[in-house]
Amino acid sequence: MRLKKWFHFFSDKEKATLTTDLITLILSRKRSMCNVLEHDREENELYVLEVIHRYVQLLDEFFGNVCELDIIYNFDKAYHVLDELVLAGELQEPGKKVVISHVNAFEHACQLDIITRNVENS
């Protein structure tokens, strides 16, 4: 499982059990079958699909044609994009340009911090 984010409280044991159950379920499917995401029954399914779709669009725009390796090697950035999009399980910012600009500003600030530290240590 590449990314997982918990929006409800679960103990570490419950998280481990849920994760193991999901991985077992997902890996037992044939290639031609799709994976299913479970969510609260109160949530609108189309809304959940729209949020997932928006997240994939943002990852695609941020990484430029996103692939699994982008998420593996830059999981912190993938989580940052998710954090800018979703807050406490709810869509925080629907605008793609706004989310990408926030993420890019954060990336720029991190790069400046690295440069500043390198200069100070030299």
N, C-alpha and C. Protein backbone atom coordinates (compact mmCIF):
# COMPACT_ATOMS: atom_id res chain seq x y z
N MET A 1 0.85 -1.16 0.00
CA MET A 1 0.00 0.00 0.00
C MET A 1 0.91 1.23 0.00
N ARG A 2 0.79 2.05 -1.04
CA ARG A 2 1.71 3.18 -1.21
C ARG A 2 1.36 4.36 -0.31
N LEU A 3 0.10 4.71 -0.24
CA LEU A 3 -0.33 5.84 0.59
C LEU A 3 -1.54 5.43 1.42
N LYS A 4 -1.54 5.84 2.65
CA LYS A 4 -2.74 5.65 3.47
C LYS A 4 -2.83 6.80 4.46
N LYS A 5 -4.02 7.26 4.67
CA LYS A 5 -4.26 8.39 5.56
C LYS A 5 -5.50 8.06 6.38
N TRP A 6 -5.42 8.22 7.67
CA TRP A 6 -6.54 7.89 8.57
C TRP A 6 -7.24 9.18 8.98
N PHE A 7 -8.55 9.23 8.78
CA PHE A 7 -9.34 10.39 9.17
C PHE A 7 -10.22 10.12 10.37
N HIS A 8 -10.16 8.91 10.88
CA HIS A 8 -10.85 8.51 12.11
C HIS A 8 -9.83 7.83 13.01
N PHE A 9 -10.09 7.87 14.31
CA PHE A 9 -9.16 7.27 15.24
C PHE A 9 -9.28 5.75 15.21
N PHE A 10 -8.15 5.09 15.07
CA PHE A 10 -8.04 3.65 15.21
C PHE A 10 -6.77 3.39 16.01
N SER A 11 -6.80 2.36 16.85
CA SER A 11 -5.58 1.99 17.57
C SER A 11 -4.58 1.43 16.57
N ASP A 12 -3.33 1.33 16.99
CA ASP A 12 -2.30 0.79 16.10
C ASP A 12 -2.64 -0.64 15.68
N LYS A 13 -3.18 -1.40 16.60
CA LYS A 13 -3.56 -2.79 16.31
C LYS A 13 -4.69 -2.82 15.26
N GLU A 14 -5.69 -1.94 15.41
CA GLU A 14 -6.79 -1.88 14.44
C GLU A 14 -6.28 -1.44 13.06
N LYS A 15 -5.36 -0.46 13.05
CA LYS A 15 -4.79 -0.01 11.78
C LYS A 15 -4.04 -1.15 11.08
N ALA A 16 -3.27 -1.89 11.86
CA ALA A 16 -2.51 -3.01 11.29
C ALA A 16 -3.45 -4.07 10.74
N THR A 17 -4.52 -4.37 11.47
CA THR A 17 -5.49 -5.37 11.02
C THR A 17 -6.19 -4.91 9.76
N LEU A 18 -6.67 -3.66 9.74
CA LEU A 18 -7.34 -3.13 8.56
C LEU A 18 -6.41 -3.12 7.35
N THR A 19 -5.17 -2.70 7.55
CA THR A 19 -4.20 -2.65 6.46
C THR A 19 -3.94 -4.05 5.91
N THR A 20 -3.73 -5.02 6.80
CA THR A 20 -3.49 -6.40 6.38
C THR A 20 -4.69 -6.95 5.61
N ASP A 21 -5.89 -6.70 6.12
CA ASP A 21 -7.10 -7.17 5.44
C ASP A 21 -7.24 -6.56 4.05
N LEU A 22 -6.98 -5.25 3.94
CA LEU A 22 -7.08 -4.59 2.64
C LEU A 22 -6.03 -5.11 1.65
N ILE A 23 -4.81 -5.26 2.10
CA ILE A 23 -3.75 -5.76 1.22
C ILE A 23 -4.09 -7.17 0.74
N THR A 24 -4.57 -8.02 1.64
CA THR A 24 -4.96 -9.37 1.27
C THR A 24 -6.08 -9.34 0.23
N LEU A 25 -7.06 -8.48 0.44
CA LEU A 25 -8.18 -8.37 -0.48
C LEU A 25 -7.72 -7.86 -1.85
N ILE A 26 -6.89 -6.84 -1.86
CA ILE A 26 -6.44 -6.24 -3.11
C ILE A 26 -5.54 -7.20 -3.89
N LEU A 27 -4.62 -7.87 -3.21
CA LEU A 27 -3.69 -8.76 -3.91
C LEU A 27 -4.35 -10.03 -4.43
N SER A 28 -5.49 -10.39 -3.85
CA SER A 28 -6.17 -11.61 -4.30
C SER A 28 -7.00 -11.39 -5.56
N ARG A 29 -7.12 -10.17 -6.02
CA ARG A 29 -7.90 -9.88 -7.22
C ARG A 29 -7.11 -10.15 -8.48
N LYS A 30 -7.84 -10.54 -9.52
CA LYS A 30 -7.21 -10.76 -10.82
C LYS A 30 -6.86 -9.42 -11.45
N ARG A 31 -5.99 -9.44 -12.43
CA ARG A 31 -5.57 -8.19 -13.09
C ARG A 31 -6.73 -7.46 -13.73
N SER A 32 -7.71 -8.19 -14.24
CA SER A 32 -8.82 -7.55 -14.94
C SER A 32 -9.85 -6.95 -13.98
N MET A 33 -9.69 -7.19 -12.69
CA MET A 33 -10.63 -6.67 -11.70
C MET A 33 -10.12 -5.33 -11.16
N CYS A 34 -11.04 -4.50 -10.72
CA CYS A 34 -10.63 -3.22 -10.15
C CYS A 34 -10.62 -3.30 -8.63
N ASN A 35 -9.90 -2.38 -8.02
CA ASN A 35 -9.87 -2.30 -6.57
C ASN A 35 -10.97 -1.36 -6.10
N VAL A 36 -11.51 -1.65 -4.95
CA VAL A 36 -12.62 -0.87 -4.41
C VAL A 36 -12.17 -0.17 -3.15
N LEU A 37 -12.54 1.09 -3.04
CA LEU A 37 -12.23 1.87 -1.86
C LEU A 37 -13.46 1.92 -0.97
N GLU A 38 -13.27 1.54 0.29
CA GLU A 38 -14.39 1.63 1.22
C GLU A 38 -14.40 3.00 1.86
N HIS A 39 -15.60 3.49 2.15
CA HIS A 39 -15.73 4.80 2.78
C HIS A 39 -16.96 4.79 3.66
N ASP A 40 -17.13 5.85 4.43
CA ASP A 40 -18.31 5.94 5.28
C ASP A 40 -19.56 5.87 4.43
N ARG A 41 -20.55 5.20 4.93
CA ARG A 41 -21.79 5.04 4.18
C ARG A 41 -22.54 6.37 4.04
N GLU A 42 -22.24 7.32 4.94
CA GLU A 42 -22.91 8.63 4.86
C GLU A 42 -22.38 9.48 3.71
N GLU A 43 -21.17 9.16 3.24
CA GLU A 43 -20.55 9.96 2.18
C GLU A 43 -21.20 9.68 0.83
N ASN A 44 -21.28 10.72 0.04
CA ASN A 44 -21.77 10.60 -1.33
C ASN A 44 -20.69 9.94 -2.17
N GLU A 45 -21.02 8.82 -2.82
CA GLU A 45 -20.02 8.07 -3.59
C GLU A 45 -19.42 8.90 -4.72
N LEU A 46 -20.24 9.69 -5.39
CA LEU A 46 -19.72 10.52 -6.47
C LEU A 46 -18.74 11.57 -5.94
N TYR A 47 -19.04 12.10 -4.76
CA TYR A 47 -18.14 13.07 -4.13
C TYR A 47 -16.79 12.42 -3.83
N VAL A 48 -16.81 11.21 -3.28
CA VAL A 48 -15.57 10.50 -2.95
C VAL A 48 -14.77 10.24 -4.23
N LEU A 49 -15.45 9.79 -5.28
CA LEU A 49 -14.77 9.55 -6.55
C LEU A 49 -14.20 10.84 -7.13
N GLU A 50 -14.91 11.94 -6.97
CA GLU A 50 -14.44 13.23 -7.47
C GLU A 50 -13.18 13.68 -6.72
N VAL A 51 -13.15 13.47 -5.41
CA VAL A 51 -11.96 13.83 -4.62
C VAL A 51 -10.77 12.98 -5.05
N ILE A 52 -10.98 11.69 -5.25
CA ILE A 52 -9.90 10.81 -5.71
C ILE A 52 -9.41 11.25 -7.08
N HIS A 53 -10.35 11.53 -7.97
CA HIS A 53 -10.00 11.99 -9.32
C HIS A 53 -9.21 13.29 -9.27
N ARG A 54 -9.63 14.22 -8.42
CA ARG A 54 -8.93 15.49 -8.28
C ARG A 54 -7.52 15.28 -7.76
N TYR A 55 -7.37 14.36 -6.80
CA TYR A 55 -6.04 14.07 -6.25
C TYR A 55 -5.12 13.51 -7.34
N VAL A 56 -5.63 12.60 -8.14
CA VAL A 56 -4.82 12.03 -9.23
C VAL A 56 -4.46 13.13 -10.24
N GLN A 57 -5.39 14.02 -10.55
CA GLN A 57 -5.09 15.13 -11.46
C GLN A 57 -3.99 16.02 -10.89
N LEU A 58 -4.06 16.30 -9.58
CA LEU A 58 -3.05 17.14 -8.94
C LEU A 58 -1.68 16.47 -8.95
N LEU A 59 -1.65 15.17 -8.66
CA LEU A 59 -0.39 14.44 -8.71
C LEU A 59 0.18 14.45 -10.12
N ASP A 60 -0.69 14.28 -11.10
CA ASP A 60 -0.27 14.27 -12.50
C ASP A 60 0.31 15.63 -12.89
N GLU A 61 -0.32 16.69 -12.44
CA GLU A 61 0.17 18.03 -12.76
C GLU A 61 1.46 18.34 -12.01
N PHE A 62 1.54 17.94 -10.75
CA PHE A 62 2.72 18.24 -9.94
C PHE A 62 3.95 17.46 -10.44
N PHE A 63 3.78 16.15 -10.68
CA PHE A 63 4.90 15.32 -11.10
C PHE A 63 5.09 15.30 -12.62
N GLY A 64 4.08 15.71 -13.36
CA GLY A 64 4.16 15.63 -14.82
C GLY A 64 4.02 14.19 -15.26
N ASN A 65 2.80 13.75 -15.51
CA ASN A 65 2.50 12.37 -15.88
C ASN A 65 2.95 11.41 -14.77
N VAL A 66 2.26 11.47 -13.64
CA VAL A 66 2.63 10.73 -12.44
C VAL A 66 2.63 9.22 -12.70
N CYS A 67 3.57 8.55 -12.05
CA CYS A 67 3.60 7.09 -12.09
C CYS A 67 3.87 6.59 -10.67
N GLU A 68 3.82 5.28 -10.49
CA GLU A 68 3.99 4.71 -9.17
C GLU A 68 5.36 5.05 -8.56
N LEU A 69 6.38 5.12 -9.38
CA LEU A 69 7.71 5.44 -8.88
C LEU A 69 7.78 6.85 -8.31
N ASP A 70 7.01 7.78 -8.88
CA ASP A 70 6.96 9.14 -8.32
C ASP A 70 6.47 9.10 -6.88
N ILE A 71 5.46 8.28 -6.64
CA ILE A 71 4.89 8.18 -5.29
C ILE A 71 5.85 7.44 -4.36
N ILE A 72 6.52 6.41 -4.87
CA ILE A 72 7.45 5.65 -4.03
C ILE A 72 8.62 6.53 -3.58
N TYR A 73 9.23 7.23 -4.52
CA TYR A 73 10.43 8.01 -4.20
C TYR A 73 10.14 9.41 -3.68
N ASN A 74 8.93 9.88 -3.84
CA ASN A 74 8.55 11.22 -3.37
C ASN A 74 7.27 11.16 -2.54
N PHE A 75 7.18 10.15 -1.67
CA PHE A 75 5.94 9.98 -0.90
C PHE A 75 5.63 11.20 -0.05
N ASP A 76 6.66 11.90 0.43
CA ASP A 76 6.43 13.10 1.24
C ASP A 76 5.73 14.18 0.42
N LYS A 77 6.09 14.30 -0.84
CA LYS A 77 5.44 15.28 -1.71
C LYS A 77 4.02 14.85 -2.04
N ALA A 78 3.81 13.55 -2.24
CA ALA A 78 2.45 13.05 -2.51
C ALA A 78 1.54 13.30 -1.31
N TYR A 79 2.08 13.10 -0.11
CA TYR A 79 1.30 13.39 1.10
C TYR A 79 1.05 14.89 1.24
N HIS A 80 2.02 15.71 0.86
CA HIS A 80 1.84 17.16 0.96
C HIS A 80 0.72 17.62 0.02
N VAL A 81 0.69 17.08 -1.18
CA VAL A 81 -0.40 17.41 -2.12
C VAL A 81 -1.73 16.99 -1.51
N LEU A 82 -1.78 15.79 -0.93
CA LEU A 82 -3.01 15.31 -0.29
C LEU A 82 -3.43 16.21 0.87
N ASP A 83 -2.45 16.64 1.67
CA ASP A 83 -2.75 17.53 2.80
C ASP A 83 -3.27 18.89 2.36
N GLU A 84 -2.81 19.37 1.22
CA GLU A 84 -3.30 20.65 0.70
C GLU A 84 -4.72 20.51 0.13
N LEU A 85 -5.04 19.31 -0.33
CA LEU A 85 -6.35 19.06 -0.93
C LEU A 85 -7.41 18.71 0.11
N VAL A 86 -7.04 17.87 1.07
CA VAL A 86 -8.00 17.33 2.04
C VAL A 86 -7.56 17.69 3.45
N LEU A 87 -8.50 18.15 4.25
CA LEU A 87 -8.24 18.47 5.65
C LEU A 87 -9.31 17.78 6.49
N ALA A 88 -8.89 16.94 7.42
CA ALA A 88 -9.80 16.21 8.31
C ALA A 88 -10.84 15.41 7.53
N GLY A 89 -10.43 14.87 6.40
CA GLY A 89 -11.32 14.02 5.61
C GLY A 89 -12.27 14.78 4.71
N GLU A 90 -12.16 16.09 4.68
CA GLU A 90 -13.04 16.91 3.84
C GLU A 90 -12.21 17.68 2.83
N LEU A 91 -12.80 17.92 1.66
CA LEU A 91 -12.13 18.68 0.63
C LEU A 91 -11.88 20.10 1.15
N GLN A 92 -10.60 20.47 1.21
CA GLN A 92 -10.22 21.78 1.73
C GLN A 92 -10.18 22.82 0.63
N GLU A 93 -9.57 22.47 -0.49
CA GLU A 93 -9.40 23.43 -1.58
C GLU A 93 -9.69 22.74 -2.91
N PRO A 94 -10.80 23.08 -3.55
CA PRO A 94 -11.15 22.42 -4.81
C PRO A 94 -10.35 22.92 -6.02
N GLY A 95 -9.75 24.10 -5.91
CA GLY A 95 -9.04 24.67 -7.04
C GLY A 95 -7.68 24.03 -7.26
N LYS A 96 -7.48 23.43 -8.44
CA LYS A 96 -6.21 22.77 -8.73
C LYS A 96 -5.05 23.76 -8.74
N LYS A 97 -5.27 24.92 -9.34
CA LYS A 97 -4.19 25.91 -9.43
C LYS A 97 -3.76 26.39 -8.05
N VAL A 98 -4.71 26.56 -7.15
CA VAL A 98 -4.40 27.02 -5.79
C VAL A 98 -3.59 25.96 -5.05
N VAL A 99 -4.02 24.70 -5.14
CA VAL A 99 -3.30 23.62 -4.46
C VAL A 99 -1.88 23.51 -5.00
N ILE A 100 -1.73 23.50 -6.32
CA ILE A 100 -0.41 23.38 -6.93
C ILE A 100 0.47 24.57 -6.55
N SER A 101 -0.10 25.78 -6.52
CA SER A 101 0.71 26.95 -6.14
C SER A 101 1.17 26.85 -4.69
N HIS A 102 0.33 26.33 -3.78
CA HIS A 102 0.73 26.15 -2.39
C HIS A 102 1.84 25.12 -2.27
N VAL A 103 1.70 24.02 -3.00
CA VAL A 103 2.71 22.97 -2.94
C VAL A 103 4.02 23.48 -3.54
N ASN A 104 3.96 24.18 -4.65
CA ASN A 104 5.17 24.73 -5.26
C ASN A 104 5.84 25.76 -4.37
N ALA A 105 5.05 26.59 -3.68
CA ALA A 105 5.61 27.57 -2.75
C ALA A 105 6.33 26.86 -1.60
N PHE A 106 5.74 25.79 -1.11
CA PHE A 106 6.38 25.01 -0.04
C PHE A 106 7.68 24.38 -0.54
N GLU A 107 7.66 23.81 -1.74
CA GLU A 107 8.87 23.21 -2.32
C GLU A 107 9.97 24.26 -2.47
N HIS A 108 9.60 25.45 -2.93
CA HIS A 108 10.56 26.54 -3.10
C HIS A 108 11.15 26.94 -1.75
N ALA A 109 10.31 27.05 -0.73
CA ALA A 109 10.79 27.41 0.61
C ALA A 109 11.75 26.34 1.15
N CYS A 110 11.45 25.08 0.89
CA CYS A 110 12.34 23.99 1.33
C CYS A 110 13.68 24.07 0.63
N GLN A 111 13.67 24.35 -0.67
CA GLN A 111 14.92 24.47 -1.42
C GLN A 111 15.76 25.65 -0.91
N LEU A 112 15.09 26.77 -0.62
CA LEU A 112 15.80 27.92 -0.06
C LEU A 112 16.41 27.59 1.29
N ASP A 113 15.69 26.84 2.10
CA ASP A 113 16.18 26.44 3.42
C ASP A 113 17.42 25.56 3.28
N ILE A 114 17.40 24.64 2.33
CA ILE A 114 18.55 23.76 2.11
C ILE A 114 19.76 24.57 1.66
N ILE A 115 19.54 25.50 0.75
CA ILE A 115 20.63 26.35 0.25
C ILE A 115 21.20 27.19 1.39
N THR A 116 20.32 27.77 2.20
CA THR A 116 20.76 28.60 3.33
C THR A 116 21.58 27.79 4.31
N ARG A 117 21.15 26.58 4.62
CA ARG A 117 21.90 25.74 5.55
C ARG A 117 23.25 25.34 4.99
N ASN A 118 23.30 25.06 3.69
CA ASN A 118 24.58 24.71 3.06
C ASN A 118 25.55 25.87 3.10
N VAL A 119 25.06 27.07 2.87
CA VAL A 119 25.92 28.27 2.91
C VAL A 119 26.41 28.51 4.33
N GLU A 120 25.54 28.35 5.32
CA GLU A 120 25.93 28.57 6.70
C GLU A 120 26.96 27.55 7.16
N ASN A 121 26.86 26.32 6.67
CA ASN A 121 27.78 25.26 7.09
C ASN A 121 29.12 25.30 6.36
N SER A 122 29.21 26.10 5.28
CA SER A 122 30.46 26.15 4.52
C SER A 122 31.44 27.13 5.10
